[in-house]
Amino acid sequence: MGETTETKKSAEKADENTIFVGKKSTMGYVLAVVTQFNSGAKAVKVKARGKLISKAVDVVEITRGRFLQNAKIKNIEIMTEEVQNEDGSKSKVSSIEITIEK
């Protein structure tokens, strides 16, 4: 069965409210989270893998402490993902997904 247009739209909406933490500055991601909430999002997911997990936690805590004191952590998921390396081998990497809502 194919996906309906409504299902696709809800999946796109979920992706719009997801911040993937990477190499940018912590405050850049904090700004992205605050911008999502100011654009009308009810919840935002902050995702990170490996060494960047601590930066994701910092992003959430700075957002809640300085900018959105009324925001609450709704859910924290920790998992192990299997990723393919450049040489073709596979590695397991820890990851986190923190959902915060207003």
PDB file of N, CA and C in Angstrom:
ATOM      1  N   MET A   1       0.835  -1.192   0.000  1.00  0.00           N
ATOM      2  CA  MET A   1       0.000   0.000   0.000  1.00  0.00           C
ATOM      3  C   MET A   1       0.876   1.250   0.000  1.00  0.00           C
ATOM      4  N   GLY A   2       0.457   2.272  -0.702  1.00  0.00           N
ATOM      5  CA  GLY A   2       1.201   3.519  -0.734  1.00  0.00           C
ATOM      6  C   GLY A   2       0.808   4.429   0.413  1.00  0.00           C
ATOM      7  N   GLU A   3       1.698   5.360   0.715  1.00  0.00           N
ATOM      8  CA  GLU A   3       1.405   6.329   1.765  1.00  0.00           C
ATOM      9  C   GLU A   3       0.421   7.361   1.241  1.00  0.00           C
ATOM     10  N   THR A   4      -0.442   7.808   2.105  1.00  0.00           N
ATOM     11  CA  THR A   4      -1.348   8.875   1.715  1.00  0.00           C
ATOM     12  C   THR A   4      -0.623  10.201   1.788  1.00  0.00           C
ATOM     13  N   THR A   5      -1.178  11.202   1.153  1.00  0.00           N
ATOM     14  CA  THR A   5      -0.583  12.535   1.193  1.00  0.00           C
ATOM     15  C   THR A   5      -0.520  13.044   2.625  1.00  0.00           C
ATOM     16  N   GLU A   6      -1.558  12.744   3.400  1.00  0.00           N
ATOM     17  CA  GLU A   6      -1.594  13.207   4.787  1.00  0.00           C
ATOM     18  C   GLU A   6      -0.483  12.564   5.610  1.00  0.00           C
ATOM     19  N   THR A   7      -0.224  11.283   5.378  1.00  0.00           N
ATOM     20  CA  THR A   7       0.855  10.597   6.091  1.00  0.00           C
ATOM     21  C   THR A   7       2.194  11.212   5.730  1.00  0.00           C
ATOM     22  N   LYS A   8       2.403  11.490   4.455  1.00  0.00           N
ATOM     23  CA  LYS A   8       3.654  12.106   4.017  1.00  0.00           C
ATOM     24  C   LYS A   8       3.828  13.483   4.645  1.00  0.00           C
ATOM     25  N   LYS A   9       2.742  14.273   4.699  1.00  0.00           N
ATOM     26  CA  LYS A   9       2.820  15.602   5.289  1.00  0.00           C
ATOM     27  C   LYS A   9       3.163  15.522   6.771  1.00  0.00           C
ATOM     28  N   SER A  10       2.578  14.566   7.484  1.00  0.00           N
ATOM     29  CA  SER A  10       2.880  14.456   8.912  1.00  0.00           C
ATOM     30  C   SER A  10       4.317  13.992   9.119  1.00  0.00           C
ATOM     31  N   ALA A  11       4.835  13.137   8.228  1.00  0.00           N
ATOM     32  CA  ALA A  11       6.233  12.713   8.331  1.00  0.00           C
ATOM     33  C   ALA A  11       7.169  13.883   8.048  1.00  0.00           C
ATOM     34  N   GLU A  12       6.819  14.703   7.056  1.00  0.00           N
ATOM     35  CA  GLU A  12       7.632  15.882   6.757  1.00  0.00           C
ATOM     36  C   GLU A  12       7.604  16.861   7.918  1.00  0.00           C
ATOM     37  N   LYS A  13       6.449  17.027   8.527  1.00  0.00           N
ATOM     38  CA  LYS A  13       6.311  17.937   9.666  1.00  0.00           C
ATOM     39  C   LYS A  13       7.177  17.456  10.826  1.00  0.00           C
ATOM     40  N   ALA A  14       7.215  16.148  11.050  1.00  0.00           N
ATOM     41  CA  ALA A  14       8.036  15.595  12.122  1.00  0.00           C
ATOM     42  C   ALA A  14       9.513  15.871  11.846  1.00  0.00           C
ATOM     43  N   ASP A  15       9.943  15.742  10.589  1.00  0.00           N
ATOM     44  CA  ASP A  15      11.330  16.007  10.243  1.00  0.00           C
ATOM     45  C   ASP A  15      11.673  17.485  10.396  1.00  0.00           C
ATOM     46  N   GLU A  16      10.709  18.363  10.125  1.00  0.00           N
ATOM     47  CA  GLU A  16      10.941  19.795  10.268  1.00  0.00           C
ATOM     48  C   GLU A  16      11.237  20.156  11.719  1.00  0.00           C
ATOM     49  N   ASN A  17      10.674  19.432  12.651  1.00  0.00           N
ATOM     50  CA  ASN A  17      10.834  19.737  14.065  1.00  0.00           C
ATOM     51  C   ASN A  17      11.938  18.900  14.708  1.00  0.00           C
ATOM     52  N   THR A  18      12.886  18.436  13.915  1.00  0.00           N
ATOM     53  CA  THR A  18      14.002  17.645  14.413  1.00  0.00           C
ATOM     54  C   THR A  18      15.296  18.392  14.133  1.00  0.00           C
ATOM     55  N   ILE A  19      16.103  18.546  15.173  1.00  0.00           N
ATOM     56  CA  ILE A  19      17.398  19.207  15.050  1.00  0.00           C
ATOM     57  C   ILE A  19      18.470  18.132  15.199  1.00  0.00           C
ATOM     58  N   PHE A  20      19.318  17.973  14.175  1.00  0.00           N
ATOM     59  CA  PHE A  20      20.412  17.011  14.222  1.00  0.00           C
ATOM     60  C   PHE A  20      21.682  17.751  14.636  1.00  0.00           C
ATOM     61  N   VAL A  21      22.220  17.400  15.790  1.00  0.00           N
ATOM     62  CA  VAL A  21      23.397  18.085  16.325  1.00  0.00           C
ATOM     63  C   VAL A  21      24.637  17.569  15.609  1.00  0.00           C
ATOM     64  N   GLY A  22      25.471  18.529  15.158  1.00  0.00           N
ATOM     65  CA  GLY A  22      26.691  18.197  14.422  1.00  0.00           C
ATOM     66  C   GLY A  22      27.844  19.092  14.844  1.00  0.00           C
ATOM     67  N   LYS A  23      28.532  19.641  13.850  1.00  0.00           N
ATOM     68  CA  LYS A  23      29.772  20.385  14.097  1.00  0.00           C
ATOM     69  C   LYS A  23      29.577  21.870  14.410  1.00  0.00           C
ATOM     70  N   LYS A  24      28.387  22.409  14.201  1.00  0.00           N
ATOM     71  CA  LYS A  24      28.162  23.835  14.472  1.00  0.00           C
ATOM     72  C   LYS A  24      28.300  24.127  15.959  1.00  0.00           C
ATOM     73  N   SER A  25      28.259  25.387  16.299  1.00  0.00           N
ATOM     74  CA  SER A  25      28.358  25.775  17.705  1.00  0.00           C
ATOM     75  C   SER A  25      27.094  25.388  18.467  1.00  0.00           C
ATOM     76  N   THR A  26      27.236  25.202  19.749  1.00  0.00           N
ATOM     77  CA  THR A  26      26.099  24.847  20.602  1.00  0.00           C
ATOM     78  C   THR A  26      25.004  25.884  20.487  1.00  0.00           C
ATOM     79  N   MET A  27      25.372  27.162  20.523  1.00  0.00           N
ATOM     80  CA  MET A  27      24.369  28.227  20.462  1.00  0.00           C
ATOM     81  C   MET A  27      23.640  28.250  19.118  1.00  0.00           C
ATOM     82  N   GLY A  28      24.277  27.794  18.060  1.00  0.00           N
ATOM     83  CA  GLY A  28      23.603  27.691  16.765  1.00  0.00           C
ATOM     84  C   GLY A  28      22.433  26.717  16.827  1.00  0.00           C
ATOM     85  N   TYR A  29      22.618  25.610  17.547  1.00  0.00           N
ATOM     86  CA  TYR A  29      21.545  24.630  17.699  1.00  0.00           C
ATOM     87  C   TYR A  29      20.482  25.115  18.676  1.00  0.00           C
ATOM     88  N   VAL A  30      20.899  25.847  19.706  1.00  0.00           N
ATOM     89  CA  VAL A  30      19.932  26.434  20.630  1.00  0.00           C
ATOM     90  C   VAL A  30      19.022  27.387  19.853  1.00  0.00           C
ATOM     91  N   LEU A  31      19.606  28.215  19.017  1.00  0.00           N
ATOM     92  CA  LEU A  31      18.833  29.141  18.186  1.00  0.00           C
ATOM     93  C   LEU A  31      17.867  28.376  17.280  1.00  0.00           C
ATOM     94  N   ALA A  32      18.309  27.257  16.720  1.00  0.00           N
ATOM     95  CA  ALA A  32      17.444  26.455  15.855  1.00  0.00           C
ATOM     96  C   ALA A  32      16.243  25.908  16.630  1.00  0.00           C
ATOM     97  N   VAL A  33      16.465  25.461  17.859  1.00  0.00           N
ATOM     98  CA  VAL A  33      15.370  24.941  18.683  1.00  0.00           C
ATOM     99  C   VAL A  33      14.383  26.061  19.018  1.00  0.00           C
ATOM    100  N   VAL A  34      14.901  27.201  19.450  1.00  0.00           N
ATOM    101  CA  VAL A  34      14.042  28.339  19.806  1.00  0.00           C
ATOM    102  C   VAL A  34      13.251  28.796  18.582  1.00  0.00           C
ATOM    103  N   THR A  35      13.888  28.815  17.418  1.00  0.00           N
ATOM    104  CA  THR A  35      13.218  29.207  16.180  1.00  0.00           C
ATOM    105  C   THR A  35      12.071  28.251  15.855  1.00  0.00           C
ATOM    106  N   GLN A  36      12.283  26.953  16.053  1.00  0.00           N
ATOM    107  CA  GLN A  36      11.219  25.978  15.811  1.00  0.00           C
ATOM    108  C   GLN A  36      10.011  26.263  16.699  1.00  0.00           C
ATOM    109  N   PHE A  37      10.266  26.526  17.985  1.00  0.00           N
ATOM    110  CA  PHE A  37       9.152  26.828  18.893  1.00  0.00           C
ATOM    111  C   PHE A  37       8.474  28.135  18.527  1.00  0.00           C
ATOM    112  N   ASN A  38       9.246  29.150  18.136  1.00  0.00           N
ATOM    113  CA  ASN A  38       8.656  30.431  17.750  1.00  0.00           C
ATOM    114  C   ASN A  38       7.860  30.334  16.451  1.00  0.00           C
ATOM    115  N   SER A  39       8.142  29.302  15.654  1.00  0.00           N
ATOM    116  CA  SER A  39       7.402  29.078  14.405  1.00  0.00           C
ATOM    117  C   SER A  39       6.123  28.284  14.633  1.00  0.00           C
ATOM    118  N   GLY A  40       5.846  27.947  15.887  1.00  0.00           N
ATOM    119  CA  GLY A  40       4.593  27.276  16.196  1.00  0.00           C
ATOM    120  C   GLY A  40       4.707  25.804  16.541  1.00  0.00           C
ATOM    121  N   ALA A  41       5.903  25.261  16.577  1.00  0.00           N
ATOM    122  CA  ALA A  41       6.056  23.843  16.909  1.00  0.00           C
ATOM    123  C   ALA A  41       5.676  23.606  18.370  1.00  0.00           C
ATOM    124  N   LYS A  42       4.972  22.526  18.621  1.00  0.00           N
ATOM    125  CA  LYS A  42       4.595  22.157  19.991  1.00  0.00           C
ATOM    126  C   LYS A  42       5.693  21.343  20.656  1.00  0.00           C
ATOM    127  N   ALA A  43       6.457  20.584  19.836  1.00  0.00           N
ATOM    128  CA  ALA A  43       7.546  19.752  20.348  1.00  0.00           C
ATOM    129  C   ALA A  43       8.688  19.768  19.339  1.00  0.00           C
ATOM    130  N   VAL A  44       9.903  19.654  19.850  1.00  0.00           N
ATOM    131  CA  VAL A  44      11.094  19.615  19.011  1.00  0.00           C
ATOM    132  C   VAL A  44      11.969  18.460  19.495  1.00  0.00           C
ATOM    133  N   LYS A  45      12.511  17.696  18.534  1.00  0.00           N
ATOM    134  CA  LYS A  45      13.426  16.608  18.857  1.00  0.00           C
ATOM    135  C   LYS A  45      14.851  17.068  18.584  1.00  0.00           C
ATOM    136  N   VAL A  46      15.743  16.765  19.514  1.00  0.00           N
ATOM    137  CA  VAL A  46      17.163  17.045  19.346  1.00  0.00           C
ATOM    138  C   VAL A  46      17.859  15.691  19.286  1.00  0.00           C
ATOM    139  N   LYS A  47      18.536  15.415  18.163  1.00  0.00           N
ATOM    140  CA  LYS A  47      19.178  14.121  17.965  1.00  0.00           C
ATOM    141  C   LYS A  47      20.677  14.285  17.811  1.00  0.00           C
ATOM    142  N   ALA A  48      21.432  13.292  18.321  1.00  0.00           N
ATOM    143  CA  ALA A  48      22.883  13.294  18.168  1.00  0.00           C
ATOM    144  C   ALA A  48      23.404  11.867  18.279  1.00  0.00           C
ATOM    145  N   ARG A  49      24.626  11.669  17.747  1.00  0.00           N
ATOM    146  CA  ARG A  49      25.281  10.366  17.829  1.00  0.00           C
ATOM    147  C   ARG A  49      26.699  10.529  18.359  1.00  0.00           C
ATOM    148  N   GLY A  50      27.175   9.477  19.001  1.00  0.00           N
ATOM    149  CA  GLY A  50      28.568   9.403  19.419  1.00  0.00           C
ATOM    150  C   GLY A  50      29.000  10.509  20.360  1.00  0.00           C
ATOM    151  N   LYS A  51      30.141  11.130  20.024  1.00  0.00           N
ATOM    152  CA  LYS A  51      30.727  12.165  20.877  1.00  0.00           C
ATOM    153  C   LYS A  51      29.873  13.423  20.978  1.00  0.00           C
ATOM    154  N   LEU A  52      28.918  13.572  20.082  1.00  0.00           N
ATOM    155  CA  LEU A  52      28.084  14.780  20.074  1.00  0.00           C
ATOM    156  C   LEU A  52      26.877  14.681  21.003  1.00  0.00           C
ATOM    157  N   ILE A  53      26.722  13.544  21.685  1.00  0.00           N
ATOM    158  CA  ILE A  53      25.597  13.379  22.610  1.00  0.00           C
ATOM    159  C   ILE A  53      25.647  14.438  23.705  1.00  0.00           C
ATOM    160  N   SER A  54      26.827  14.716  24.237  1.00  0.00           N
ATOM    161  CA  SER A  54      26.928  15.718  25.309  1.00  0.00           C
ATOM    162  C   SER A  54      26.536  17.104  24.802  1.00  0.00           C
ATOM    163  N   LYS A  55      26.827  17.405  23.535  1.00  0.00           N
ATOM    164  CA  LYS A  55      26.438  18.694  22.972  1.00  0.00           C
ATOM    165  C   LYS A  55      24.916  18.789  22.859  1.00  0.00           C
ATOM    166  N   ALA A  56      24.257  17.678  22.508  1.00  0.00           N
ATOM    167  CA  ALA A  56      22.790  17.668  22.418  1.00  0.00           C
ATOM    168  C   ALA A  56      22.175  17.946  23.782  1.00  0.00           C
ATOM    169  N   VAL A  57      22.733  17.346  24.829  1.00  0.00           N
ATOM    170  CA  VAL A  57      22.242  17.590  26.184  1.00  0.00           C
ATOM    171  C   VAL A  57      22.450  19.057  26.549  1.00  0.00           C
ATOM    172  N   ASP A  58      23.605  19.614  26.202  1.00  0.00           N
ATOM    173  CA  ASP A  58      23.872  21.032  26.456  1.00  0.00           C
ATOM    174  C   ASP A  58      22.854  21.920  25.736  1.00  0.00           C
ATOM    175  N   VAL A  59      22.543  21.593  24.490  1.00  0.00           N
ATOM    176  CA  VAL A  59      21.579  22.375  23.711  1.00  0.00           C
ATOM    177  C   VAL A  59      20.231  22.417  24.429  1.00  0.00           C
ATOM    178  N   VAL A  60      19.761  21.260  24.872  1.00  0.00           N
ATOM    179  CA  VAL A  60      18.469  21.194  25.547  1.00  0.00           C
ATOM    180  C   VAL A  60      18.504  21.974  26.859  1.00  0.00           C
ATOM    181  N   GLU A  61      19.554  21.796  27.638  1.00  0.00           N
ATOM    182  CA  GLU A  61      19.629  22.463  28.940  1.00  0.00           C
ATOM    183  C   GLU A  61      19.780  23.978  28.806  1.00  0.00           C
ATOM    184  N   ILE A  62      20.543  24.440  27.843  1.00  0.00           N
ATOM    185  CA  ILE A  62      20.668  25.892  27.620  1.00  0.00           C
ATOM    186  C   ILE A  62      19.334  26.459  27.149  1.00  0.00           C
ATOM    187  N   THR A  63      18.665  25.744  26.255  1.00  0.00           N
ATOM    188  CA  THR A  63      17.356  26.192  25.770  1.00  0.00           C
ATOM    189  C   THR A  63      16.384  26.327  26.925  1.00  0.00           C
ATOM    190  N   ARG A  64      16.324  25.320  27.782  1.00  0.00           N
ATOM    191  CA  ARG A  64      15.386  25.332  28.904  1.00  0.00           C
ATOM    192  C   ARG A  64      15.805  26.340  29.975  1.00  0.00           C
ATOM    193  N   GLY A  65      17.086  26.518  30.184  1.00  0.00           N
ATOM    194  CA  GLY A  65      17.555  27.396  31.257  1.00  0.00           C
ATOM    195  C   GLY A  65      17.519  28.871  30.924  1.00  0.00           C
ATOM    196  N   ARG A  66      17.835  29.229  29.675  1.00  0.00           N
ATOM    197  CA  ARG A  66      17.962  30.645  29.315  1.00  0.00           C
ATOM    198  C   ARG A  66      16.812  31.195  28.487  1.00  0.00           C
ATOM    199  N   PHE A  67      16.227  30.363  27.634  1.00  0.00           N
ATOM    200  CA  PHE A  67      15.286  30.893  26.644  1.00  0.00           C
ATOM    201  C   PHE A  67      13.840  30.447  26.840  1.00  0.00           C
ATOM    202  N   LEU A  68      13.631  29.205  27.171  1.00  0.00           N
ATOM    203  CA  LEU A  68      12.268  28.681  27.297  1.00  0.00           C
ATOM    204  C   LEU A  68      12.137  27.949  28.628  1.00  0.00           C
ATOM    205  N   GLN A  69      12.034  28.724  29.703  1.00  0.00           N
ATOM    206  CA  GLN A  69      11.976  28.127  31.034  1.00  0.00           C
ATOM    207  C   GLN A  69      10.757  27.220  31.218  1.00  0.00           C
ATOM    208  N   ASN A  70       9.708  27.445  30.440  1.00  0.00           N
ATOM    209  CA  ASN A  70       8.501  26.623  30.568  1.00  0.00           C
ATOM    210  C   ASN A  70       8.561  25.343  29.748  1.00  0.00           C
ATOM    211  N   ALA A  71       9.630  25.156  28.966  1.00  0.00           N
ATOM    212  CA  ALA A  71       9.764  23.932  28.163  1.00  0.00           C
ATOM    213  C   ALA A  71      10.093  22.755  29.067  1.00  0.00           C
ATOM    214  N   LYS A  72       9.517  21.600  28.730  1.00  0.00           N
ATOM    215  CA  LYS A  72       9.721  20.390  29.523  1.00  0.00           C
ATOM    216  C   LYS A  72      10.277  19.289  28.638  1.00  0.00           C
ATOM    217  N   ILE A  73      11.073  18.432  29.235  1.00  0.00           N
ATOM    218  CA  ILE A  73      11.558  17.267  28.511  1.00  0.00           C
ATOM    219  C   ILE A  73      10.439  16.239  28.508  1.00  0.00           C
ATOM    220  N   LYS A  74       9.983  15.891  27.325  1.00  0.00           N
ATOM    221  CA  LYS A  74       8.887  14.938  27.184  1.00  0.00           C
ATOM    222  C   LYS A  74       9.398  13.500  27.145  1.00  0.00           C
ATOM    223  N   ASN A  75      10.508  13.292  26.437  1.00  0.00           N
ATOM    224  CA  ASN A  75      10.999  11.939  26.242  1.00  0.00           C
ATOM    225  C   ASN A  75      12.498  11.959  25.949  1.00  0.00           C
ATOM    226  N   ILE A  76      13.205  10.947  26.432  1.00  0.00           N
ATOM    227  CA  ILE A  76      14.613  10.754  26.099  1.00  0.00           C
ATOM    228  C   ILE A  76      14.764   9.307  25.649  1.00  0.00           C
ATOM    229  N   GLU A  77      15.261   9.133  24.444  1.00  0.00           N
ATOM    230  CA  GLU A  77      15.514   7.788  23.928  1.00  0.00           C
ATOM    231  C   GLU A  77      17.001   7.631  23.696  1.00  0.00           C
ATOM    232  N   ILE A  78      17.550   6.539  24.186  1.00  0.00           N
ATOM    233  CA  ILE A  78      18.934   6.213  23.872  1.00  0.00           C
ATOM    234  C   ILE A  78      18.924   4.902  23.101  1.00  0.00           C
ATOM    235  N   MET A  79      19.812   4.810  22.129  1.00  0.00           N
ATOM    236  CA  MET A  79      19.829   3.622  21.281  1.00  0.00           C
ATOM    237  C   MET A  79      21.215   3.416  20.699  1.00  0.00           C
ATOM    238  N   THR A  80      21.393   2.298  20.050  1.00  0.00           N
ATOM    239  CA  THR A  80      22.620   2.008  19.323  1.00  0.00           C
ATOM    240  C   THR A  80      22.264   1.863  17.863  1.00  0.00           C
ATOM    241  N   GLU A  81      22.959   2.612  17.021  1.00  0.00           N
ATOM    242  CA  GLU A  81      22.724   2.550  15.585  1.00  0.00           C
ATOM    243  C   GLU A  81      23.929   1.920  14.914  1.00  0.00           C
ATOM    244  N   GLU A  82      23.678   1.198  13.855  1.00  0.00           N
ATOM    245  CA  GLU A  82      24.761   0.610  13.087  1.00  0.00           C
ATOM    246  C   GLU A  82      25.005   1.495  11.874  1.00  0.00           C
ATOM    247  N   VAL A  83      26.228   1.955  11.720  1.00  0.00           N
ATOM    248  CA  VAL A  83      26.571   2.832  10.599  1.00  0.00           C
ATOM    249  C   VAL A  83      27.677   2.185   9.776  1.00  0.00           C
ATOM    250  N   GLN A  84      27.683   2.513   8.491  1.00  0.00           N
ATOM    251  CA  GLN A  84      28.702   1.963   7.605  1.00  0.00           C
ATOM    252  C   GLN A  84      29.850   2.952   7.494  1.00  0.00           C
ATOM    253  N   ASN A  85      31.064   2.467   7.713  1.00  0.00           N
ATOM    254  CA  ASN A  85      32.260   3.295   7.614  1.00  0.00           C
ATOM    255  C   ASN A  85      32.652   3.481   6.152  1.00  0.00           C
ATOM    256  N   GLU A  86      33.587   4.389   5.908  1.00  0.00           N
ATOM    257  CA  GLU A  86      34.039   4.661   4.545  1.00  0.00           C
ATOM    258  C   GLU A  86      34.648   3.424   3.897  1.00  0.00           C
ATOM    259  N   ASP A  87      35.285   2.568   4.702  1.00  0.00           N
ATOM    260  CA  ASP A  87      35.926   1.368   4.150  1.00  0.00           C
ATOM    261  C   ASP A  87      34.944   0.212   3.951  1.00  0.00           C
ATOM    262  N   GLY A  88      33.656   0.448   4.249  1.00  0.00           N
ATOM    263  CA  GLY A  88      32.640  -0.567   4.039  1.00  0.00           C
ATOM    264  C   GLY A  88      32.303  -1.391   5.274  1.00  0.00           C
ATOM    265  N   SER A  89      33.135  -1.304   6.302  1.00  0.00           N
ATOM    266  CA  SER A  89      32.840  -2.034   7.539  1.00  0.00           C
ATOM    267  C   SER A  89      31.725  -1.330   8.309  1.00  0.00           C
ATOM    268  N   LYS A  90      31.150  -2.062   9.261  1.00  0.00           N
ATOM    269  CA  LYS A  90      30.056  -1.485  10.046  1.00  0.00           C
ATOM    270  C   LYS A  90      30.491  -1.302  11.494  1.00  0.00           C
ATOM    271  N   SER A  91      30.010  -0.207  12.096  1.00  0.00           N
ATOM    272  CA  SER A  91      30.293   0.085  13.498  1.00  0.00           C
ATOM    273  C   SER A  91      28.992   0.398  14.206  1.00  0.00           C
ATOM    274  N   LYS A  92      28.981   0.155  15.498  1.00  0.00           N
ATOM    275  CA  LYS A  92      27.820   0.517  16.303  1.00  0.00           C
ATOM    276  C   LYS A  92      28.146   1.813  17.031  1.00  0.00           C
ATOM    277  N   VAL A  93      27.178   2.741  16.973  1.00  0.00           N
ATOM    278  CA  VAL A  93      27.366   4.060  17.553  1.00  0.00           C
ATOM    279  C   VAL A  93      26.186   4.364  18.464  1.00  0.00           C
ATOM    280  N   SER A  94      26.457   4.894  19.647  1.00  0.00           N
ATOM    281  CA  SER A  94      25.392   5.301  20.558  1.00  0.00           C
ATOM    282  C   SER A  94      24.725   6.556  20.005  1.00  0.00           C
ATOM    283  N   SER A  95      23.431   6.674  20.266  1.00  0.00           N
ATOM    284  CA  SER A  95      22.717   7.884  19.841  1.00  0.00           C
ATOM    285  C   SER A  95      21.656   8.229  20.863  1.00  0.00           C
ATOM    286  N   ILE A  96      21.232   9.495  20.816  1.00  0.00           N
ATOM    287  CA  ILE A  96      20.216   9.987  21.749  1.00  0.00           C
ATOM    288  C   ILE A  96      19.217  10.831  20.984  1.00  0.00           C
ATOM    289  N   GLU A  97      17.980  10.813  21.443  1.00  0.00           N
ATOM    290  CA  GLU A  97      16.923  11.654  20.892  1.00  0.00           C
ATOM    291  C   GLU A  97      16.160  12.227  22.074  1.00  0.00           C
ATOM    292  N   ILE A  98      16.240  13.540  22.238  1.00  0.00           N
ATOM    293  CA  ILE A  98      15.571  14.220  23.354  1.00  0.00           C
ATOM    294  C   ILE A  98      14.422  15.035  22.776  1.00  0.00           C
ATOM    295  N   THR A  99      13.216  14.790  23.279  1.00  0.00           N
ATOM    296  CA  THR A  99      12.047  15.534  22.826  1.00  0.00           C
ATOM    297  C   THR A  99      11.660  16.535  23.902  1.00  0.00           C
ATOM    298  N   ILE A 100      11.604  17.815  23.516  1.00  0.00           N
ATOM    299  CA  ILE A 100      11.166  18.842  24.462  1.00  0.00           C
ATOM    300  C   ILE A 100       9.891  19.475  23.920  1.00  0.00           C
ATOM    301  N   GLU A 101       9.032  19.887  24.818  1.00  0.00           N
ATOM    302  CA  GLU A 101       7.783  20.526  24.396  1.00  0.00           C
ATOM    303  C   GLU A 101       7.479  21.717  25.278  1.00  0.00           C
ATOM    304  N   LYS A 102       6.705  22.618  24.707  1.00  0.00           N
ATOM    305  CA  LYS A 102       6.283  23.828  25.414  1.00  0.00           C
ATOM    306  C   LYS A 102       5.081  23.537  26.254  1.00  0.00           C
TER     307      LYS A 102
END
